[in-house]
Amino acid sequence: MAAKTIYSAAHRKLVARLRTLREDAGLSQSDLAKVLGWPQQRLSAVEAGARRLDVIEFLSLAEALGLAPEEAILLAAPRRRGP
């Protein structure tokens, strides 16, 4: 059985980037959760790596942080080298 992506380095890196964007925007978890209509505990679990985001949640979170969908995908996509 394949390892769950929630435990991958790529997932941890994405969550760290999202948290940094939130902090750089001067938003608390409570502030951002309110904008999203989420309980603060959900955002806390995401940032702690205990909960995975589905694609709709991810795009909603990214939008609330001021990212366009294309920017969000680039944030999540691993960088590839050459062909």
Protein backbone atom coordinates (compact mmCIF):
# COMPACT_ATOMS: atom_id res chain seq x y z
CA MET A 1 0.00 0.00 0.00
CA ALA A 2 1.31 3.46 -0.91
CA ALA A 3 2.15 5.93 1.84
CA LYS A 4 -0.48 8.59 2.48
CA THR A 5 0.37 11.98 1.01
CA ILE A 6 -0.37 13.69 4.34
CA TYR A 7 2.93 12.25 5.58
CA SER A 8 4.96 13.34 2.55
CA ALA A 9 7.60 16.05 2.49
CA ALA A 10 5.63 17.80 -0.28
CA HIS A 11 2.54 18.02 1.95
CA ARG A 12 4.55 19.39 4.87
CA LYS A 13 6.15 21.97 2.58
CA LEU A 14 2.76 23.06 1.18
CA VAL A 15 1.26 23.43 4.66
CA ALA A 16 4.29 25.45 5.77
CA ARG A 17 3.91 27.76 2.76
CA LEU A 18 0.21 28.28 3.49
CA ARG A 19 0.93 29.05 7.12
CA THR A 20 3.65 31.54 6.13
CA LEU A 21 1.24 33.26 3.75
CA ARG A 22 -1.34 33.52 6.55
CA GLU A 23 1.20 34.92 8.99
CA ASP A 24 2.60 37.35 6.39
CA ALA A 25 -0.95 38.61 5.83
CA GLY A 26 -1.19 39.32 9.55
CA LEU A 27 -4.05 36.87 10.02
CA SER A 28 -4.56 34.62 13.02
CA GLN A 29 -5.94 31.14 12.53
CA SER A 30 -9.24 32.41 13.97
CA ASP A 31 -9.35 35.32 11.52
CA LEU A 32 -8.74 33.12 8.49
CA ALA A 33 -11.10 30.40 9.70
CA LYS A 34 -13.84 33.01 10.07
CA VAL A 35 -13.30 34.17 6.47
CA LEU A 36 -13.51 30.55 5.30
CA GLY A 37 -16.52 29.68 7.48
CA TRP A 38 -14.48 26.93 9.16
CA PRO A 39 -13.97 26.14 12.81
CA GLN A 40 -10.53 27.37 13.92
CA GLN A 41 -9.68 23.80 14.94
CA ARG A 42 -9.90 22.66 11.31
CA LEU A 43 -7.32 25.20 10.20
CA SER A 44 -5.14 24.30 13.18
CA ALA A 45 -5.29 20.61 12.22
CA VAL A 46 -4.34 21.44 8.62
CA GLU A 47 -1.38 23.56 9.71
CA ALA A 48 -0.28 20.89 12.19
CA GLY A 49 -0.29 18.29 9.42
CA ALA A 50 -3.02 16.25 11.10
CA ARG A 51 -5.66 16.92 8.46
CA ARG A 52 -5.44 16.84 4.68
CA LEU A 53 -7.21 19.39 2.48
CA ASP A 54 -9.38 18.33 -0.41
CA VAL A 55 -8.97 20.30 -3.63
CA ILE A 56 -11.97 22.56 -3.01
CA GLU A 57 -10.79 23.38 0.52
CA PHE A 58 -7.28 24.02 -0.78
CA LEU A 59 -8.48 26.43 -3.46
CA SER A 60 -10.79 28.21 -0.98
CA LEU A 61 -7.93 28.60 1.49
CA ALA A 62 -5.59 29.85 -1.21
CA GLU A 63 -8.18 32.36 -2.44
CA ALA A 64 -8.71 33.63 1.12
CA LEU A 65 -4.94 34.20 1.25
CA GLY A 66 -5.08 36.25 -1.97
CA LEU A 67 -3.85 33.62 -4.41
CA ALA A 68 -5.36 32.98 -7.83
CA PRO A 69 -6.06 29.29 -8.55
CA GLU A 70 -3.05 29.18 -10.89
CA GLU A 71 -0.78 30.54 -8.16
CA ALA A 72 -2.16 28.02 -5.69
CA ILE A 73 -1.41 25.12 -8.04
CA LEU A 74 2.13 26.39 -8.53
CA LEU A 75 2.48 26.62 -4.76
CA ALA A 76 1.49 22.96 -4.45
CA ALA A 77 3.27 21.59 -7.51
CA PRO A 78 6.72 20.14 -6.95
CA ARG A 79 9.39 21.82 -9.01
CA ARG A 80 10.57 19.63 -11.88
CA ARG A 81 13.94 19.76 -13.54
CA GLY A 82 14.28 19.42 -17.27
CA PRO A 83 12.34 17.08 -19.58
